[in-house]
Amino acid sequence: ISITGNNAIEANALVEEGVGDKFTHYLPTEGTICWIDGWVITKPTKGKSLDLALKYIDYMIGDEGQTLLAEKVGFGIINPAGGGGYTDAVKERTWWYTMSIDEFPVPLYIMVTEEDPERRVNTWLEIKAQLGF
């Protein structure tokens, strides 16, 4: 079995099913995709709300938050100090998960959707209408 890309969850599942020694995880030399989640603090955020938002972000990118993210979700992390949260299966088979993005061994490509402002606004208006707003 050969698996490409960033599949920590699949690596764990294959090991748990007893076929961990029967698959190879590899990165294509051409590169792989990179998923990005973004957080936003809106401009009017002030006071305690701003303080809590900053603390949340600090925690999530800090050692403990990144370790838990690696352990519980299996996604790639931005802080290599969190690599201890990955199982041995992930560390052995998707070794690049514990690397700094600056040292990633192949090109990373960020998926960007085409922007359709009208569709986004209409979808949001439909959601609000269903909620009674």
N, C-alpha and C. Protein backbone atom coordinates (compact mmCIF):
# COMPACT_ATOMS: atom_id res chain seq x y z
N ILE A 1 0.86 -1.17 0.00
CA ILE A 1 0.00 0.00 0.00
C ILE A 1 0.90 1.22 0.00
N SER A 2 0.65 2.16 -0.90
CA SER A 2 1.38 3.42 -0.92
C SER A 2 0.41 4.56 -0.69
N ILE A 3 0.77 5.47 0.17
CA ILE A 3 -0.06 6.63 0.48
C ILE A 3 0.78 7.87 0.27
N THR A 4 0.19 8.87 -0.34
CA THR A 4 0.90 10.11 -0.55
C THR A 4 0.24 11.23 0.22
N GLY A 5 0.98 12.29 0.44
CA GLY A 5 0.42 13.47 1.10
C GLY A 5 0.55 13.43 2.60
N ASN A 6 -0.33 14.17 3.24
CA ASN A 6 -0.29 14.32 4.70
C ASN A 6 -1.44 13.55 5.31
N ASN A 7 -1.18 12.33 5.72
CA ASN A 7 -2.24 11.44 6.17
C ASN A 7 -1.90 10.78 7.50
N ALA A 8 -1.73 11.58 8.54
CA ALA A 8 -1.40 11.03 9.85
C ALA A 8 -2.52 10.14 10.38
N ILE A 9 -3.75 10.53 10.14
CA ILE A 9 -4.89 9.75 10.65
C ILE A 9 -4.92 8.38 9.98
N GLU A 10 -4.68 8.33 8.68
CA GLU A 10 -4.65 7.06 7.97
C GLU A 10 -3.49 6.19 8.44
N ALA A 11 -2.35 6.81 8.69
CA ALA A 11 -1.19 6.05 9.19
C ALA A 11 -1.53 5.36 10.50
N ASN A 12 -2.16 6.08 11.41
CA ASN A 12 -2.55 5.48 12.69
C ASN A 12 -3.55 4.35 12.49
N ALA A 13 -4.54 4.57 11.62
CA ALA A 13 -5.57 3.55 11.39
C ALA A 13 -4.96 2.27 10.82
N LEU A 14 -4.04 2.39 9.88
CA LEU A 14 -3.42 1.21 9.29
C LEU A 14 -2.60 0.44 10.32
N VAL A 15 -1.91 1.15 11.19
CA VAL A 15 -1.14 0.48 12.24
C VAL A 15 -2.09 -0.22 13.21
N GLU A 16 -3.18 0.46 13.59
CA GLU A 16 -4.16 -0.14 14.50
C GLU A 16 -4.80 -1.39 13.90
N GLU A 17 -4.94 -1.43 12.58
CA GLU A 17 -5.53 -2.59 11.90
C GLU A 17 -4.51 -3.70 11.65
N GLY A 18 -3.26 -3.48 12.08
CA GLY A 18 -2.25 -4.52 11.95
C GLY A 18 -1.53 -4.58 10.61
N VAL A 19 -1.69 -3.56 9.79
CA VAL A 19 -1.01 -3.56 8.49
C VAL A 19 0.02 -2.43 8.40
N GLY A 20 0.50 -1.98 9.54
CA GLY A 20 1.46 -0.89 9.57
C GLY A 20 2.75 -1.17 8.84
N ASP A 21 3.14 -2.44 8.77
CA ASP A 21 4.38 -2.78 8.07
C ASP A 21 4.16 -3.03 6.58
N LYS A 22 2.93 -2.87 6.12
CA LYS A 22 2.61 -3.16 4.72
C LYS A 22 2.35 -1.91 3.89
N PHE A 23 2.62 -0.74 4.44
CA PHE A 23 2.40 0.45 3.63
C PHE A 23 3.58 1.39 3.72
N THR A 24 3.71 2.17 2.68
CA THR A 24 4.74 3.19 2.58
C THR A 24 4.06 4.53 2.43
N HIS A 25 4.51 5.48 3.19
CA HIS A 25 3.98 6.84 3.11
C HIS A 25 5.06 7.67 2.44
N TYR A 26 4.73 8.38 1.42
CA TYR A 26 5.76 9.15 0.72
C TYR A 26 5.24 10.51 0.31
N LEU A 27 6.17 11.39 0.03
CA LEU A 27 5.86 12.71 -0.51
C LEU A 27 6.32 12.75 -1.96
N PRO A 28 5.45 13.13 -2.88
CA PRO A 28 5.90 13.26 -4.27
C PRO A 28 6.93 14.38 -4.38
N THR A 29 7.95 14.17 -5.17
CA THR A 29 8.99 15.20 -5.32
C THR A 29 8.41 16.49 -5.89
N GLU A 30 7.27 16.39 -6.59
CA GLU A 30 6.64 17.59 -7.16
C GLU A 30 6.01 18.47 -6.08
N GLY A 31 5.76 17.89 -4.90
CA GLY A 31 5.17 18.65 -3.81
C GLY A 31 3.85 18.07 -3.35
N THR A 32 3.28 18.70 -2.34
CA THR A 32 2.01 18.25 -1.77
C THR A 32 1.21 19.47 -1.33
N ILE A 33 -0.07 19.24 -1.04
CA ILE A 33 -0.91 20.37 -0.63
C ILE A 33 -0.71 20.68 0.84
N CYS A 34 -1.03 21.88 1.19
CA CYS A 34 -0.94 22.35 2.58
C CYS A 34 -2.28 22.99 2.92
N TRP A 35 -2.87 22.54 3.99
CA TRP A 35 -4.14 23.09 4.45
C TRP A 35 -3.86 24.17 5.48
N ILE A 36 -4.55 25.27 5.36
CA ILE A 36 -4.35 26.37 6.31
C ILE A 36 -5.68 26.75 6.93
N ASP A 37 -5.71 26.80 8.24
CA ASP A 37 -6.86 27.34 8.96
C ASP A 37 -6.48 28.72 9.44
N GLY A 38 -7.36 29.66 9.27
CA GLY A 38 -7.06 31.03 9.68
C GLY A 38 -7.92 31.48 10.85
N TRP A 39 -7.34 32.28 11.69
CA TRP A 39 -8.07 32.90 12.79
C TRP A 39 -8.06 34.40 12.57
N VAL A 40 -9.12 35.04 12.98
CA VAL A 40 -9.24 36.48 12.78
C VAL A 40 -9.68 37.12 14.08
N ILE A 41 -9.04 38.22 14.40
CA ILE A 41 -9.51 39.08 15.49
C ILE A 41 -10.01 40.34 14.80
N THR A 42 -11.30 40.58 14.91
CA THR A 42 -11.88 41.72 14.20
C THR A 42 -11.41 43.04 14.81
N LYS A 43 -11.40 44.06 14.00
CA LYS A 43 -10.88 45.37 14.38
C LYS A 43 -11.52 45.93 15.66
N PRO A 44 -12.85 45.82 15.84
CA PRO A 44 -13.44 46.42 17.04
C PRO A 44 -13.20 45.63 18.34
N THR A 45 -12.53 44.48 18.27
CA THR A 45 -12.31 43.68 19.48
C THR A 45 -11.39 44.43 20.43
N LYS A 46 -11.84 44.57 21.67
CA LYS A 46 -11.07 45.32 22.67
C LYS A 46 -11.22 44.69 24.04
N GLY A 47 -10.45 45.17 24.96
CA GLY A 47 -10.59 44.80 26.36
C GLY A 47 -10.39 43.32 26.62
N LYS A 48 -11.27 42.75 27.47
CA LYS A 48 -11.14 41.36 27.87
C LYS A 48 -11.27 40.41 26.67
N SER A 49 -12.15 40.75 25.73
CA SER A 49 -12.33 39.90 24.55
C SER A 49 -11.03 39.81 23.74
N LEU A 50 -10.35 40.93 23.58
CA LEU A 50 -9.08 40.94 22.86
C LEU A 50 -8.04 40.14 23.62
N ASP A 51 -7.99 40.33 24.92
CA ASP A 51 -7.03 39.60 25.76
C ASP A 51 -7.26 38.09 25.64
N LEU A 52 -8.52 37.67 25.72
CA LEU A 52 -8.84 36.24 25.61
C LEU A 52 -8.50 35.69 24.21
N ALA A 53 -8.77 36.46 23.18
CA ALA A 53 -8.45 36.03 21.82
C ALA A 53 -6.95 35.83 21.65
N LEU A 54 -6.16 36.77 22.16
CA LEU A 54 -4.70 36.66 22.07
C LEU A 54 -4.19 35.47 22.88
N LYS A 55 -4.77 35.25 24.06
CA LYS A 55 -4.36 34.10 24.88
C LYS A 55 -4.69 32.79 24.17
N TYR A 56 -5.86 32.74 23.52
CA TYR A 56 -6.26 31.54 22.79
C TYR A 56 -5.25 31.24 21.67
N ILE A 57 -4.92 32.24 20.90
CA ILE A 57 -3.97 32.04 19.80
C ILE A 57 -2.60 31.64 20.34
N ASP A 58 -2.15 32.31 21.40
CA ASP A 58 -0.86 31.94 22.01
C ASP A 58 -0.87 30.48 22.45
N TYR A 59 -1.98 30.05 23.06
CA TYR A 59 -2.08 28.67 23.51
C TYR A 59 -2.07 27.70 22.33
N MET A 60 -2.87 28.00 21.32
CA MET A 60 -3.01 27.08 20.19
C MET A 60 -1.72 26.92 19.39
N ILE A 61 -0.87 27.95 19.35
CA ILE A 61 0.40 27.80 18.63
C ILE A 61 1.56 27.48 19.56
N GLY A 62 1.27 27.43 20.86
CA GLY A 62 2.29 27.08 21.85
C GLY A 62 2.53 25.58 21.91
N ASP A 63 3.50 25.20 22.71
CA ASP A 63 3.90 23.79 22.80
C ASP A 63 2.75 22.87 23.20
N GLU A 64 2.02 23.22 24.26
CA GLU A 64 0.94 22.34 24.74
C GLU A 64 -0.20 22.23 23.73
N GLY A 65 -0.63 23.36 23.19
CA GLY A 65 -1.72 23.34 22.22
C GLY A 65 -1.37 22.55 20.97
N GLN A 66 -0.15 22.70 20.49
CA GLN A 66 0.28 21.99 19.30
C GLN A 66 0.45 20.49 19.57
N THR A 67 0.91 20.15 20.78
CA THR A 67 1.03 18.74 21.14
C THR A 67 -0.34 18.08 21.16
N LEU A 68 -1.31 18.75 21.76
CA LEU A 68 -2.67 18.20 21.79
C LEU A 68 -3.29 18.12 20.40
N LEU A 69 -3.03 19.10 19.57
CA LEU A 69 -3.54 19.07 18.19
C LEU A 69 -2.98 17.86 17.44
N ALA A 70 -1.69 17.64 17.59
CA ALA A 70 -1.05 16.49 16.94
C ALA A 70 -1.63 15.18 17.47
N GLU A 71 -1.82 15.11 18.79
CA GLU A 71 -2.30 13.88 19.43
C GLU A 71 -3.76 13.59 19.10
N LYS A 72 -4.61 14.59 19.20
CA LYS A 72 -6.06 14.37 19.08
C LYS A 72 -6.57 14.42 17.65
N VAL A 73 -5.96 15.24 16.80
CA VAL A 73 -6.48 15.46 15.46
C VAL A 73 -5.57 14.86 14.39
N GLY A 74 -4.27 14.92 14.62
CA GLY A 74 -3.33 14.35 13.67
C GLY A 74 -2.95 15.26 12.52
N PHE A 75 -3.42 16.49 12.54
CA PHE A 75 -3.07 17.42 11.47
C PHE A 75 -1.63 17.88 11.61
N GLY A 76 -1.12 18.46 10.54
CA GLY A 76 0.20 19.06 10.60
C GLY A 76 0.19 20.24 11.56
N ILE A 77 1.28 20.45 12.22
CA ILE A 77 1.38 21.52 13.22
C ILE A 77 2.37 22.57 12.74
N ILE A 78 2.29 23.76 13.33
CA ILE A 78 3.21 24.82 12.94
C ILE A 78 4.36 24.98 13.92
N ASN A 79 4.26 24.35 15.08
CA ASN A 79 5.29 24.45 16.10
C ASN A 79 5.89 23.05 16.29
N PRO A 80 7.12 22.83 15.81
CA PRO A 80 7.72 21.50 15.92
C PRO A 80 7.78 20.96 17.34
N ALA A 81 7.71 21.83 18.35
CA ALA A 81 7.73 21.36 19.73
C ALA A 81 6.52 20.50 20.04
N GLY A 82 5.46 20.62 19.24
CA GLY A 82 4.26 19.81 19.45
C GLY A 82 4.35 18.42 18.84
N GLY A 83 5.45 18.12 18.16
CA GLY A 83 5.60 16.84 17.48
C GLY A 83 5.54 15.64 18.41
N GLY A 84 5.76 15.86 19.70
CA GLY A 84 5.67 14.77 20.66
C GLY A 84 4.26 14.21 20.78
N GLY A 85 3.28 14.94 20.27
CA GLY A 85 1.90 14.46 20.34
C GLY A 85 1.58 13.41 19.29
N TYR A 86 2.42 13.28 18.28
CA TYR A 86 2.17 12.26 17.26
C TYR A 86 2.52 10.88 17.79
N THR A 87 1.80 9.88 17.34
CA THR A 87 2.12 8.51 17.72
C THR A 87 3.42 8.10 17.04
N ASP A 88 4.00 7.02 17.53
CA ASP A 88 5.22 6.49 16.90
C ASP A 88 4.95 6.13 15.45
N ALA A 89 3.74 5.64 15.16
CA ALA A 89 3.39 5.28 13.77
C ALA A 89 3.51 6.48 12.85
N VAL A 90 3.02 7.62 13.31
CA VAL A 90 3.10 8.83 12.49
C VAL A 90 4.54 9.28 12.36
N LYS A 91 5.27 9.27 13.46
CA LYS A 91 6.66 9.72 13.42
C LYS A 91 7.51 8.86 12.49
N GLU A 92 7.23 7.57 12.45
CA GLU A 92 8.00 6.65 11.61
C GLU A 92 7.58 6.73 10.15
N ARG A 93 6.29 6.92 9.90
CA ARG A 93 5.78 6.81 8.53
C ARG A 93 5.51 8.14 7.86
N THR A 94 5.24 9.16 8.63
CA THR A 94 5.05 10.51 8.08
C THR A 94 6.01 11.43 8.82
N TRP A 95 7.28 11.11 8.73
CA TRP A 95 8.34 11.76 9.50
C TRP A 95 8.37 13.27 9.29
N TRP A 96 7.90 13.74 8.15
CA TRP A 96 7.93 15.17 7.86
C TRP A 96 6.96 15.95 8.75
N TYR A 97 6.03 15.26 9.40
CA TYR A 97 5.10 15.95 10.30
C TYR A 97 5.81 16.63 11.46
N THR A 98 6.94 16.13 11.85
CA THR A 98 7.64 16.70 12.99
C THR A 98 8.65 17.77 12.59
N MET A 99 8.72 18.09 11.31
CA MET A 99 9.69 19.07 10.81
C MET A 99 9.11 20.47 10.82
N SER A 100 9.99 21.44 10.88
CA SER A 100 9.59 22.82 10.69
C SER A 100 9.19 23.00 9.22
N ILE A 101 8.19 23.81 8.99
CA ILE A 101 7.76 24.06 7.61
C ILE A 101 8.90 24.67 6.78
N ASP A 102 9.82 25.34 7.46
CA ASP A 102 10.97 25.93 6.77
C ASP A 102 11.92 24.87 6.22
N GLU A 103 11.84 23.65 6.75
CA GLU A 103 12.72 22.56 6.33
C GLU A 103 11.98 21.49 5.54
N PHE A 104 10.74 21.76 5.17
CA PHE A 104 9.94 20.74 4.50
C PHE A 104 10.65 20.26 3.24
N PRO A 105 10.71 18.94 3.01
CA PRO A 105 11.56 18.39 1.95
C PRO A 105 11.04 18.51 0.52
N VAL A 106 9.78 18.90 0.33
CA VAL A 106 9.24 19.10 -1.02
C VAL A 106 8.41 20.38 -1.03
N PRO A 107 8.10 20.92 -2.21
CA PRO A 107 7.28 22.13 -2.25
C PRO A 107 5.89 21.90 -1.63
N LEU A 108 5.40 22.91 -0.95
CA LEU A 108 4.05 22.89 -0.39
C LEU A 108 3.17 23.84 -1.20
N TYR A 109 1.98 23.39 -1.52
CA TYR A 109 1.04 24.21 -2.28
C TYR A 109 -0.19 24.47 -1.43
N ILE A 110 -0.58 25.72 -1.36
CA ILE A 110 -1.75 26.12 -0.59
C ILE A 110 -2.95 26.14 -1.52
N MET A 111 -3.99 25.43 -1.12
CA MET A 111 -5.21 25.39 -1.92
C MET A 111 -5.99 26.68 -1.69
N VAL A 112 -6.32 27.36 -2.75
CA VAL A 112 -7.07 28.61 -2.66
C VAL A 112 -8.31 28.47 -3.54
N THR A 113 -9.46 28.69 -2.94
CA THR A 113 -10.68 28.62 -3.72
C THR A 113 -10.90 29.92 -4.47
N GLU A 114 -11.63 29.83 -5.55
CA GLU A 114 -11.97 31.04 -6.28
C GLU A 114 -12.94 31.86 -5.44
N GLU A 115 -12.70 33.13 -5.37
CA GLU A 115 -13.55 34.01 -4.58
C GLU A 115 -14.81 34.34 -5.37
N ASP A 116 -15.95 34.16 -4.71
CA ASP A 116 -17.24 34.51 -5.30
C ASP A 116 -18.02 35.27 -4.24
N PRO A 117 -17.76 36.58 -4.12
CA PRO A 117 -18.39 37.37 -3.06
C PRO A 117 -19.92 37.29 -3.06
N GLU A 118 -20.53 37.31 -4.22
CA GLU A 118 -21.99 37.28 -4.28
C GLU A 118 -22.53 35.96 -3.71
N ARG A 119 -21.91 34.86 -4.07
CA ARG A 119 -22.34 33.56 -3.54
C ARG A 119 -22.14 33.50 -2.03
N ARG A 120 -21.01 34.01 -1.55
CA ARG A 120 -20.74 34.00 -0.11
C ARG A 120 -21.80 34.80 0.64
N VAL A 121 -22.12 35.99 0.15
CA VAL A 121 -23.13 36.84 0.79
C VAL A 121 -24.50 36.17 0.76
N ASN A 122 -24.87 35.60 -0.38
CA ASN A 122 -26.17 34.94 -0.49
C ASN A 122 -26.27 33.74 0.46
N THR A 123 -25.20 32.98 0.56
CA THR A 123 -25.20 31.84 1.48
C THR A 123 -25.38 32.32 2.91
N TRP A 124 -24.67 33.38 3.29
CA TRP A 124 -24.79 33.93 4.64
C TRP A 124 -26.20 34.45 4.90
N LEU A 125 -26.79 35.11 3.93
CA LEU A 125 -28.16 35.61 4.08
C LEU A 125 -29.15 34.46 4.26
N GLU A 126 -28.96 33.37 3.53
CA GLU A 126 -29.82 32.20 3.69
C GLU A 126 -29.69 31.61 5.09
N ILE A 127 -28.47 31.52 5.59
CA ILE A 127 -28.25 30.99 6.94
C ILE A 127 -28.95 31.87 7.96
N LYS A 128 -28.76 33.17 7.85
CA LYS A 128 -29.40 34.10 8.80
C LYS A 128 -30.92 33.99 8.73
N ALA A 129 -31.47 33.87 7.52
CA ALA A 129 -32.92 33.76 7.37
C ALA A 129 -33.45 32.50 8.05
N GLN A 130 -32.72 31.40 7.92
CA GLN A 130 -33.14 30.15 8.56
C GLN A 130 -33.08 30.25 10.08
N LEU A 131 -32.22 31.11 10.58
CA LEU A 131 -32.10 31.31 12.02
C LEU A 131 -33.06 32.39 12.53
N GLY A 132 -33.79 33.02 11.61
CA GLY A 132 -34.76 34.02 12.01
C GLY A 132 -34.19 35.42 12.15
N PHE A 133 -33.08 35.70 11.53
CA PHE A 133 -32.49 37.04 11.60
C PHE A 133 -32.81 37.84 10.37
